[in-house]
Amino acid sequence: MATTQTHEQPRTVSRSHTGGAPACRFCGAALSHTLVDLGMSPLCESYVPADRLMQMEPFYPLHVYICDQCYLAQLEEFVPAEEIFTEYAYFSSYADSWVEHARLYTEMITKRLGLDRKSLVVEIASNDGYLLQHFVKRGIPAIGVEPARNIAKVAIERGVPTVINFFGVATARQLVSEGMQADLLLGNNVLAQVPDLNDFVAGMKIMLKPGGVLTMEFPHLLRLMRENQFDTIYHEHFSYFSFMTVEKIFARHGLTLFDVEELPTHGGSLRIYGRHAEDSVKPLTERVFQMRADEETAGLNTLGAYRAFDEQVKETKRKILAFLIEARRAGKTIVGYGAPGKGNTLLNYCGIRTDFIDFTVDRNTFKQGKFLPGTRIPIHHPDMIRNAQPDYLFILPWNFKDEIIEQNAFIREWGGKFVVPIPEITVYE
């Protein structure tokens, strides 16, 4: 049974006392250096129902700063996390390859840590139980912490005990007072979505059992910049991390990162392994030293490495628009595949609406029948692809392109082709 608790109110990013500049959410330094400015954009998961098409939609600046002290890339917080994540449209289980990724992780970490029926696994931002279900099936006690009530309900129905709350110091203390402290504490693609990083990581310190291990996965800032992945920037993602910066954040709160893996997920992610600083049983692996060296070689500890990204993004936009304009002038039809947050950033930044893409489709029934935020492109069931027989299927969740191309190979029956916009606009015959 789920435990429902009162939501903690996330704190808004403060403004520096030195003037009007925003302050770094980790170290508090004034932010004056731009990584990329994507203009104004709506909240990327705020899908528009048909009865609200004629109503106003709020847009907010999508301007990423880089801190010149700790090199944390970050957006300002314009909307409290509670407004974004209490009712959420992203269900992890709709991506088959992501569920398989979670299953393989479960196998690996169970063996590596020797988890059994006496252990406790806690996942922060556990979504619809896509990952914890694998621990439950193994008989390993597991509990999720998930702020979105609609998504937590699905996890509970799946047999995954879920606390409906934001995670931080207060939630951690409450759970520990109830006898819950984690042998394994994990969070996949949640660190970027935390406005109050210090409260969040301090809560992890409390939640982790002495001798326990934490793992976190998040997109790697180095890969984001190298491969033009600007569409992974949206208001729900408050921060973007290099390994050297995330090391500093965890170290401030008494947690040491002793291992790191590079993953192909979401265009290139890191999986970090952490322990209590006083836990000397787990020495730093060679991969930690190698990752530090790789980032230093790339110049991520200097501002120079970040200055070229803004122009790089503008050129990517020009190439995408050039392809779409040429295709439309040639009389070609284009339909989107997917309605992910990243797709909404790309479409709004590039100004792509129904003048270029007739509609998009998504397997998520929560999104079907609604319209994309900002661009108001209609979202249909995937069956509409066969009905429309488009010349091009424009894949918005490009991180799942192989899975999507395989599932929709039938478009070749009428000569349809796949288009992937990132890192470079590419047509797959």
Protein backbone atom coordinates (compact mmCIF):
# COMPACT_ATOMS: atom_id res chain seq x y z
CA MET A 1 0.00 0.00 0.00
CA ALA A 2 1.24 3.49 -0.79
CA THR A 3 2.07 5.96 1.92
CA THR A 4 0.77 9.41 1.01
CA GLN A 5 2.55 12.36 2.58
CA THR A 6 2.37 16.13 2.23
CA HIS A 7 4.51 17.47 -0.61
CA GLU A 8 7.58 19.46 0.32
CA GLN A 9 7.56 22.89 -1.32
CA PRO A 10 10.67 23.11 -3.53
CA ARG A 11 12.67 26.29 -3.12
CA THR A 12 13.01 28.70 -6.00
CA VAL A 13 16.50 29.51 -7.29
CA SER A 14 17.67 32.67 -5.60
CA ARG A 15 18.92 35.83 -7.24
CA SER A 16 22.47 36.95 -6.54
CA HIS A 17 22.93 39.86 -4.16
CA THR A 18 25.37 41.37 -6.66
CA GLY A 19 22.54 42.47 -8.95
CA GLY A 20 19.85 40.92 -11.09
CA ALA A 21 21.81 37.83 -12.15
CA PRO A 22 20.48 34.44 -11.04
CA ALA A 23 22.55 32.47 -8.53
CA CYS A 24 23.97 28.97 -8.98
CA ARG A 25 21.66 26.43 -7.35
CA PHE A 26 24.66 24.52 -5.99
CA CYS A 27 27.38 26.99 -4.98
CA GLY A 28 25.45 30.28 -4.99
CA ALA A 29 27.79 32.16 -7.37
CA ALA A 30 26.27 34.74 -9.71
CA LEU A 31 25.50 33.32 -13.17
CA SER A 32 26.61 35.51 -16.07
CA HIS A 33 27.84 33.05 -18.74
CA THR A 34 25.47 31.55 -21.33
CA LEU A 35 25.76 27.95 -22.48
CA VAL A 36 22.79 28.20 -24.90
CA ASP A 37 19.72 30.39 -25.26
CA LEU A 38 16.74 28.55 -26.80
CA GLY A 39 14.37 31.51 -26.53
CA MET A 40 10.89 31.19 -25.02
CA SER A 41 9.23 27.80 -24.69
CA PRO A 42 6.21 26.20 -22.94
CA LEU A 43 6.52 23.45 -20.34
CA CYS A 44 7.39 20.43 -22.46
CA GLU A 45 5.04 17.94 -20.76
CA SER A 46 2.00 20.27 -20.65
CA TYR A 47 -0.03 18.67 -23.43
CA VAL A 48 -3.03 20.70 -24.55
CA PRO A 49 -6.52 19.13 -24.54
CA ALA A 50 -8.86 20.00 -27.39
CA ASP A 51 -11.12 22.15 -25.21
CA ARG A 52 -8.20 24.46 -24.37
CA LEU A 53 -6.88 25.07 -27.88
CA MET A 54 -8.22 28.63 -27.89
CA GLN A 55 -6.74 29.48 -24.48
CA MET A 56 -3.46 31.20 -23.71
CA GLU A 57 -0.41 29.06 -22.98
CA PRO A 58 2.47 30.29 -20.77
CA PHE A 59 5.97 30.42 -22.25
CA TYR A 60 9.17 30.78 -20.18
CA PRO A 61 12.82 31.55 -21.03
CA LEU A 62 14.83 28.47 -21.94
CA HIS A 63 18.24 29.98 -21.22
CA VAL A 64 21.01 27.75 -19.87
CA TYR A 65 23.80 29.33 -17.84
CA ILE A 66 27.17 27.83 -16.92
CA CYS A 67 28.56 28.62 -13.46
CA ASP A 68 32.14 29.90 -13.64
CA GLN A 69 32.90 28.49 -10.17
CA CYS A 70 31.56 24.91 -10.16
CA TYR A 71 30.70 24.54 -13.91
CA LEU A 72 27.14 23.43 -13.26
CA ALA A 73 24.98 24.06 -16.35
CA GLN A 74 21.52 25.17 -15.27
CA LEU A 75 18.23 26.87 -16.00
CA GLU A 76 16.49 29.23 -13.66
CA GLU A 77 13.41 27.83 -11.95
CA PHE A 78 10.39 29.69 -13.30
CA VAL A 79 7.78 27.14 -12.26
CA PRO A 80 7.93 25.22 -8.95
CA ALA A 81 8.62 21.52 -9.39
CA GLU A 82 5.37 20.78 -7.58
CA GLU A 83 3.40 22.35 -10.44
CA ILE A 84 5.30 20.30 -13.03
CA PHE A 85 5.49 16.87 -11.45
CA THR A 86 2.32 16.44 -9.37
CA GLU A 87 0.42 15.31 -12.49
CA TYR A 88 2.87 14.13 -15.15
CA ALA A 89 2.58 12.74 -18.67
CA TYR A 90 5.74 10.63 -18.91
CA PHE A 91 5.27 6.91 -18.27
CA SER A 92 8.56 4.98 -18.49
CA SER A 93 6.96 1.65 -19.38
CA TYR A 94 5.95 2.81 -22.88
CA ALA A 95 9.60 2.51 -23.99
CA ASP A 96 10.35 -1.21 -24.32
CA SER A 97 14.10 -0.73 -24.52
CA TRP A 98 14.06 1.40 -21.35
CA VAL A 99 12.21 -1.32 -19.42
CA GLU A 100 14.80 -3.82 -20.67
CA HIS A 101 17.58 -1.46 -19.57
CA ALA A 102 16.02 -1.47 -16.10
CA ARG A 103 15.78 -5.27 -16.04
CA LEU A 104 19.45 -5.67 -16.96
CA TYR A 105 20.42 -3.12 -14.30
CA THR A 106 18.44 -5.10 -11.71
CA GLU A 107 20.28 -8.30 -12.61
CA MET A 108 23.67 -6.60 -12.50
CA ILE A 109 23.26 -4.66 -9.27
CA THR A 110 21.59 -7.56 -7.41
CA LYS A 111 24.62 -9.72 -8.16
CA ARG A 112 27.18 -6.98 -7.53
CA LEU A 113 25.78 -6.00 -4.11
CA GLY A 114 24.46 -9.42 -3.10
CA LEU A 115 20.93 -8.12 -2.55
CA ASP A 116 18.40 -10.54 -1.05
CA ARG A 117 15.14 -10.67 0.93
CA LYS A 118 16.83 -8.90 3.84
CA SER A 119 17.85 -5.92 1.71
CA LEU A 120 15.87 -2.76 0.96
CA VAL A 121 15.92 -1.01 -2.42
CA VAL A 122 14.63 2.56 -2.61
CA GLU A 123 14.15 4.34 -5.93
CA ILE A 124 13.72 8.11 -6.11
CA ALA A 125 11.34 9.23 -8.88
CA SER A 126 10.22 5.64 -9.40
CA ASN A 127 7.67 6.59 -12.06
CA ASP A 128 5.23 3.78 -12.92
CA GLY A 129 7.28 1.00 -11.32
CA TYR A 130 9.08 0.17 -14.58
CA LEU A 131 12.30 -0.65 -12.65
CA LEU A 132 11.27 -1.69 -9.13
CA GLN A 133 8.90 -4.31 -10.55
CA HIS A 134 12.00 -6.39 -11.36
CA PHE A 135 13.16 -6.32 -7.72
CA VAL A 136 9.63 -7.15 -6.53
CA LYS A 137 9.56 -10.20 -8.82
CA ARG A 138 12.83 -11.36 -7.23
CA GLY A 139 11.36 -11.06 -3.75
CA ILE A 140 13.70 -8.19 -2.82
CA PRO A 141 11.91 -5.54 -0.69
CA ALA A 142 11.57 -2.32 -2.67
CA ILE A 143 9.83 1.02 -2.28
CA GLY A 144 9.49 3.94 -4.66
CA VAL A 145 9.28 7.66 -3.99
CA GLU A 146 7.28 9.40 -6.73
CA PRO A 147 5.63 12.85 -6.62
CA ALA A 148 3.24 12.38 -9.58
CA ARG A 149 0.04 10.91 -8.18
CA ASN A 150 -1.29 9.67 -11.52
CA ILE A 151 1.94 7.78 -12.23
CA ALA A 152 2.38 6.45 -8.67
CA LYS A 153 -1.12 4.98 -8.90
CA VAL A 154 0.00 2.82 -11.83
CA ALA A 155 3.06 1.62 -9.87
CA ILE A 156 0.93 0.69 -6.86
CA GLU A 157 -1.45 -1.27 -9.08
CA ARG A 158 1.63 -3.08 -10.40
CA GLY A 159 2.51 -4.18 -6.87
CA VAL A 160 5.28 -1.66 -6.27
CA PRO A 161 4.88 0.10 -2.86
CA THR A 162 5.16 3.84 -3.51
CA VAL A 163 5.42 6.94 -1.33
CA ILE A 164 3.77 9.87 -3.09
CA ASN A 165 6.10 12.75 -2.33
CA PHE A 166 9.06 14.80 -3.50
CA PHE A 167 12.37 13.53 -2.15
CA GLY A 168 14.60 15.61 0.08
CA VAL A 169 15.79 15.84 3.68
CA ALA A 170 12.29 15.87 5.18
CA THR A 171 11.11 12.82 3.23
CA ALA A 172 14.33 10.93 3.99
CA ARG A 173 14.02 11.61 7.71
CA GLN A 174 10.40 10.48 7.68
CA LEU A 175 11.21 7.20 5.93
CA VAL A 176 14.20 6.48 8.18
CA SER A 177 12.02 7.14 11.26
CA GLU A 178 9.68 4.44 9.91
CA GLY A 179 12.57 1.97 9.76
CA MET A 180 13.37 2.33 6.07
CA GLN A 181 17.03 2.89 5.16
CA ALA A 182 18.36 1.78 1.79
CA ASP A 183 20.96 -0.87 1.05
CA LEU A 184 20.58 0.35 -2.55
CA LEU A 185 19.37 3.88 -3.23
CA LEU A 186 18.86 4.69 -6.89
CA GLY A 187 17.48 7.32 -9.22
CA ASN A 188 17.40 7.34 -13.02
CA ASN A 189 17.07 10.66 -14.82
CA VAL A 190 15.86 12.50 -11.74
CA LEU A 191 18.94 14.49 -10.72
CA ALA A 192 18.39 16.95 -13.57
CA GLN A 193 14.81 17.51 -12.41
CA VAL A 194 15.70 18.70 -8.91
CA PRO A 195 15.57 22.47 -8.26
CA ASP A 196 17.09 22.23 -4.75
CA LEU A 197 20.14 20.05 -5.37
CA ASN A 198 21.62 20.49 -1.92
CA ASP A 199 18.46 19.40 -0.11
CA PHE A 200 18.09 16.43 -2.46
CA VAL A 201 21.63 15.09 -2.05
CA ALA A 202 21.58 15.76 1.71
CA GLY A 203 18.45 13.59 1.79
CA MET A 204 20.33 10.81 0.01
CA LYS A 205 23.01 10.93 2.71
CA ILE A 206 20.30 10.35 5.33
CA MET A 207 18.47 7.67 3.33
CA LEU A 208 21.53 5.53 2.58
CA LYS A 209 22.35 2.80 5.08
CA PRO A 210 25.94 2.65 6.42
CA GLY A 211 27.72 0.41 3.94
CA GLY A 212 24.99 1.01 1.36
CA VAL A 213 25.44 2.03 -2.28
CA LEU A 214 23.65 4.64 -4.36
CA THR A 215 23.47 4.77 -8.13
CA MET A 216 22.21 7.62 -10.27
CA GLU A 217 21.88 7.91 -14.04
CA PHE A 218 21.74 11.20 -15.94
CA PRO A 219 22.64 12.53 -19.41
CA HIS A 220 26.31 13.48 -19.65
CA LEU A 221 26.88 17.19 -20.38
CA LEU A 222 29.93 16.35 -22.49
CA ARG A 223 27.87 14.18 -24.83
CA LEU A 224 25.07 16.75 -24.91
CA MET A 225 27.45 19.39 -26.24
CA ARG A 226 29.44 17.16 -28.59
CA GLU A 227 26.34 15.72 -30.27
CA ASN A 228 24.05 18.79 -30.48
CA GLN A 229 21.55 17.34 -28.04
CA PHE A 230 20.03 20.73 -27.26
CA ASP A 231 16.53 19.22 -27.31
CA THR A 232 17.24 17.48 -24.00
CA ILE A 233 17.09 20.96 -22.46
CA TYR A 234 13.67 21.89 -21.08
CA HIS A 235 12.16 23.49 -18.01
CA GLU A 236 11.65 20.14 -16.28
CA HIS A 237 15.44 19.67 -16.43
CA PHE A 238 16.88 22.29 -14.11
CA SER A 239 20.54 21.13 -14.31
CA TYR A 240 22.98 19.41 -16.71
CA PHE A 241 25.97 17.57 -15.26
CA SER A 242 29.57 16.76 -15.94
CA PHE A 243 31.18 14.12 -13.75
CA MET A 244 33.55 16.60 -12.12
CA THR A 245 30.65 18.84 -11.05
CA VAL A 246 28.48 16.02 -9.74
CA GLU A 247 31.47 14.78 -7.73
CA LYS A 248 31.65 18.17 -5.99
CA ILE A 249 27.93 18.18 -5.23
CA PHE A 250 27.95 14.74 -3.61
CA ALA A 251 31.22 15.38 -1.77
CA ARG A 252 29.77 18.48 -0.10
CA HIS A 253 27.17 16.23 1.50
CA GLY A 254 29.51 13.48 2.69
CA LEU A 255 29.08 11.12 -0.25
CA THR A 256 31.95 9.79 -2.38
CA LEU A 257 31.57 8.64 -5.99
CA PHE A 258 33.69 5.52 -6.23
CA ASP A 259 32.73 4.22 -9.68
CA VAL A 260 31.23 5.49 -12.93
CA GLU A 261 29.99 3.91 -16.15
CA GLU A 262 29.26 5.43 -19.54
CA LEU A 263 25.88 4.31 -20.93
CA PRO A 264 24.31 4.69 -24.41
CA THR A 265 20.91 5.64 -22.97
CA HIS A 266 19.36 9.05 -23.73
CA GLY A 267 22.11 9.92 -26.17
CA GLY A 268 24.93 9.19 -23.71
CA SER A 269 24.53 9.01 -19.94
CA LEU A 270 26.62 8.39 -16.85
CA ARG A 271 25.80 5.93 -14.09
CA ILE A 272 27.53 6.96 -10.89
CA TYR A 273 28.08 4.76 -7.84
CA GLY A 274 28.25 6.47 -4.46
CA ARG A 275 28.97 5.57 -0.85
CA HIS A 276 29.32 7.33 2.46
CA ALA A 277 32.63 9.21 2.58
CA GLU A 278 33.55 7.31 5.74
CA ASP A 279 33.00 3.92 4.03
CA SER A 280 36.59 2.93 3.19
CA VAL A 281 35.68 -0.57 2.02
CA LYS A 282 34.87 0.62 -1.51
CA PRO A 283 37.96 2.19 -3.14
CA LEU A 284 37.79 4.46 -6.18
CA THR A 285 37.93 2.53 -9.44
CA GLU A 286 40.15 3.30 -12.40
CA ARG A 287 37.05 4.49 -14.28
CA VAL A 288 36.71 7.44 -11.89
CA PHE A 289 40.24 8.63 -12.62
CA GLN A 290 39.75 8.08 -16.37
CA MET A 291 36.49 10.06 -16.41
CA ARG A 292 38.12 12.97 -14.61
CA ALA A 293 40.97 12.90 -17.12
CA ASP A 294 38.60 12.75 -20.11
CA GLU A 295 36.64 15.78 -18.93
CA GLU A 296 39.78 17.76 -18.17
CA THR A 297 41.09 16.95 -21.67
CA ALA A 298 37.77 18.23 -23.08
CA GLY A 299 38.28 21.44 -21.09
CA LEU A 300 35.14 21.13 -18.96
CA ASN A 301 36.99 22.82 -16.10
CA THR A 302 37.36 26.02 -18.15
CA LEU A 303 34.76 28.37 -19.64
CA GLY A 304 36.29 28.10 -23.08
CA ALA A 305 34.83 24.64 -23.68
CA TYR A 306 31.29 25.95 -23.33
CA ARG A 307 31.40 29.08 -25.50
CA ALA A 308 30.92 27.47 -28.92
CA PHE A 309 27.77 25.49 -28.10
CA ASP A 310 25.26 28.29 -28.69
CA GLU A 311 26.32 28.84 -32.30
CA GLN A 312 26.54 25.08 -32.87
CA VAL A 313 22.87 24.79 -31.86
CA LYS A 314 21.83 27.60 -34.22
CA GLU A 315 23.50 25.82 -37.14
CA THR A 316 21.72 22.56 -36.25
CA LYS A 317 18.40 24.46 -36.36
CA ARG A 318 19.22 25.88 -39.80
CA LYS A 319 19.96 22.39 -41.18
CA ILE A 320 16.72 20.92 -39.81
CA LEU A 321 14.64 23.74 -41.28
CA ALA A 322 16.45 23.52 -44.62
CA PHE A 323 15.51 19.83 -44.91
CA LEU A 324 11.86 20.43 -43.98
CA ILE A 325 11.47 23.37 -46.35
CA GLU A 326 12.96 21.42 -49.25
CA ALA A 327 10.79 18.35 -48.52
CA ARG A 328 7.58 20.39 -48.33
CA ARG A 329 8.37 22.32 -51.51
CA ALA A 330 8.84 18.94 -53.23
CA GLY A 331 5.31 17.98 -52.14
CA LYS A 332 6.41 15.43 -49.53
CA THR A 333 4.28 14.63 -46.48
CA ILE A 334 5.83 14.45 -43.01
CA VAL A 335 4.41 12.87 -39.86
CA GLY A 336 6.05 12.87 -36.45
CA TYR A 337 6.69 9.85 -34.28
CA GLY A 338 6.50 10.38 -30.53
CA ALA A 339 5.53 13.28 -28.28
CA PRO A 340 8.51 13.42 -25.89
CA GLY A 341 9.67 16.42 -23.91
CA LYS A 342 12.79 16.69 -26.07
CA GLY A 343 10.65 16.83 -29.18
CA ASN A 344 8.73 19.80 -27.84
CA THR A 345 11.96 21.72 -27.20
CA LEU A 346 13.15 21.03 -30.73
CA LEU A 347 9.85 21.92 -32.41
CA ASN A 348 9.34 25.14 -30.47
CA TYR A 349 12.93 26.33 -30.87
CA CYS A 350 12.89 25.64 -34.60
CA GLY A 351 9.36 27.02 -35.10
CA ILE A 352 8.08 23.74 -36.58
CA ARG A 353 4.28 23.47 -36.58
CA THR A 354 1.63 21.87 -38.80
CA ASP A 355 3.06 23.80 -41.74
CA PHE A 356 5.83 21.19 -41.69
CA ILE A 357 4.53 18.19 -39.68
CA ASP A 358 0.89 17.17 -40.20
CA PHE A 359 0.56 15.35 -36.87
CA THR A 360 2.52 13.10 -34.55
CA VAL A 361 1.70 9.75 -32.94
CA ASP A 362 2.46 8.28 -29.54
CA ARG A 363 1.85 4.96 -27.80
CA ASN A 364 1.05 6.79 -24.54
CA THR A 365 -2.75 6.89 -24.29
CA PHE A 366 -2.46 9.83 -21.86
CA LYS A 367 -1.18 11.99 -24.76
CA GLN A 368 -3.43 10.74 -27.57
CA GLY A 369 -6.16 13.18 -28.59
CA LYS A 370 -4.22 16.12 -27.19
CA PHE A 371 -1.90 18.65 -28.85
CA LEU A 372 1.81 19.39 -28.41
CA PRO A 373 2.52 22.40 -26.20
CA GLY A 374 3.36 25.56 -28.12
CA THR A 375 3.20 24.12 -31.63
CA ARG A 376 -0.31 22.63 -31.19
CA ILE A 377 0.52 19.66 -33.43
CA PRO A 378 -2.17 16.97 -32.88
CA ILE A 379 -1.19 13.65 -31.25
CA HIS A 380 -2.79 10.47 -32.59
CA HIS A 381 -2.59 6.72 -32.07
CA PRO A 382 0.26 5.05 -34.04
CA ASP A 383 -2.33 3.36 -36.30
CA MET A 384 -2.67 6.73 -38.05
CA ILE A 385 0.70 6.16 -39.73
CA ARG A 386 -0.76 3.47 -41.99
CA ASN A 387 -3.77 5.64 -42.78
CA ALA A 388 -1.67 8.68 -43.75
CA GLN A 389 1.20 6.81 -45.46
CA PRO A 390 3.64 9.73 -45.08
CA ASP A 391 6.78 10.11 -47.17
CA TYR A 392 8.80 10.78 -44.02
CA LEU A 393 8.39 9.67 -40.39
CA PHE A 394 10.15 12.29 -38.28
CA ILE A 395 11.44 10.59 -35.12
CA LEU A 396 11.35 12.97 -32.15
CA PRO A 397 12.57 10.55 -29.40
CA TRP A 398 15.76 9.90 -31.37
CA ASN A 399 17.32 8.13 -28.39
CA PHE A 400 14.93 5.24 -29.18
CA LYS A 401 15.38 5.43 -32.96
CA ASP A 402 16.46 1.80 -33.46
CA GLU A 403 13.44 0.50 -31.55
CA ILE A 404 11.07 2.87 -33.42
CA ILE A 405 12.51 2.06 -36.87
CA GLU A 406 12.11 -1.65 -36.18
CA GLN A 407 8.52 -1.25 -34.95
CA ASN A 408 7.56 0.88 -37.97
CA ALA A 409 9.50 -0.86 -40.74
CA PHE A 410 6.18 -1.27 -42.59
CA ILE A 411 6.41 2.33 -43.91
CA ARG A 412 8.81 0.98 -46.51
CA GLU A 413 5.75 -0.68 -48.16
CA TRP A 414 4.89 2.69 -49.70
CA GLY A 415 8.45 4.03 -49.90
CA GLY A 416 8.37 5.86 -46.59
CA LYS A 417 11.63 6.93 -44.98
CA PHE A 418 12.71 7.74 -41.43
CA VAL A 419 14.18 11.09 -40.43
CA VAL A 420 16.25 11.60 -37.26
CA PRO A 421 17.09 15.24 -36.41
CA ILE A 422 19.87 14.81 -33.81
CA PRO A 423 22.90 14.97 -33.79
CA GLU A 424 22.58 15.82 -37.51
CA ILE A 425 19.46 15.62 -39.68
CA THR A 426 19.70 12.12 -41.21
CA VAL A 427 17.39 10.22 -43.55
CA TYR A 428 17.22 6.43 -43.20
CA GLU A 429 16.11 4.76 -46.42
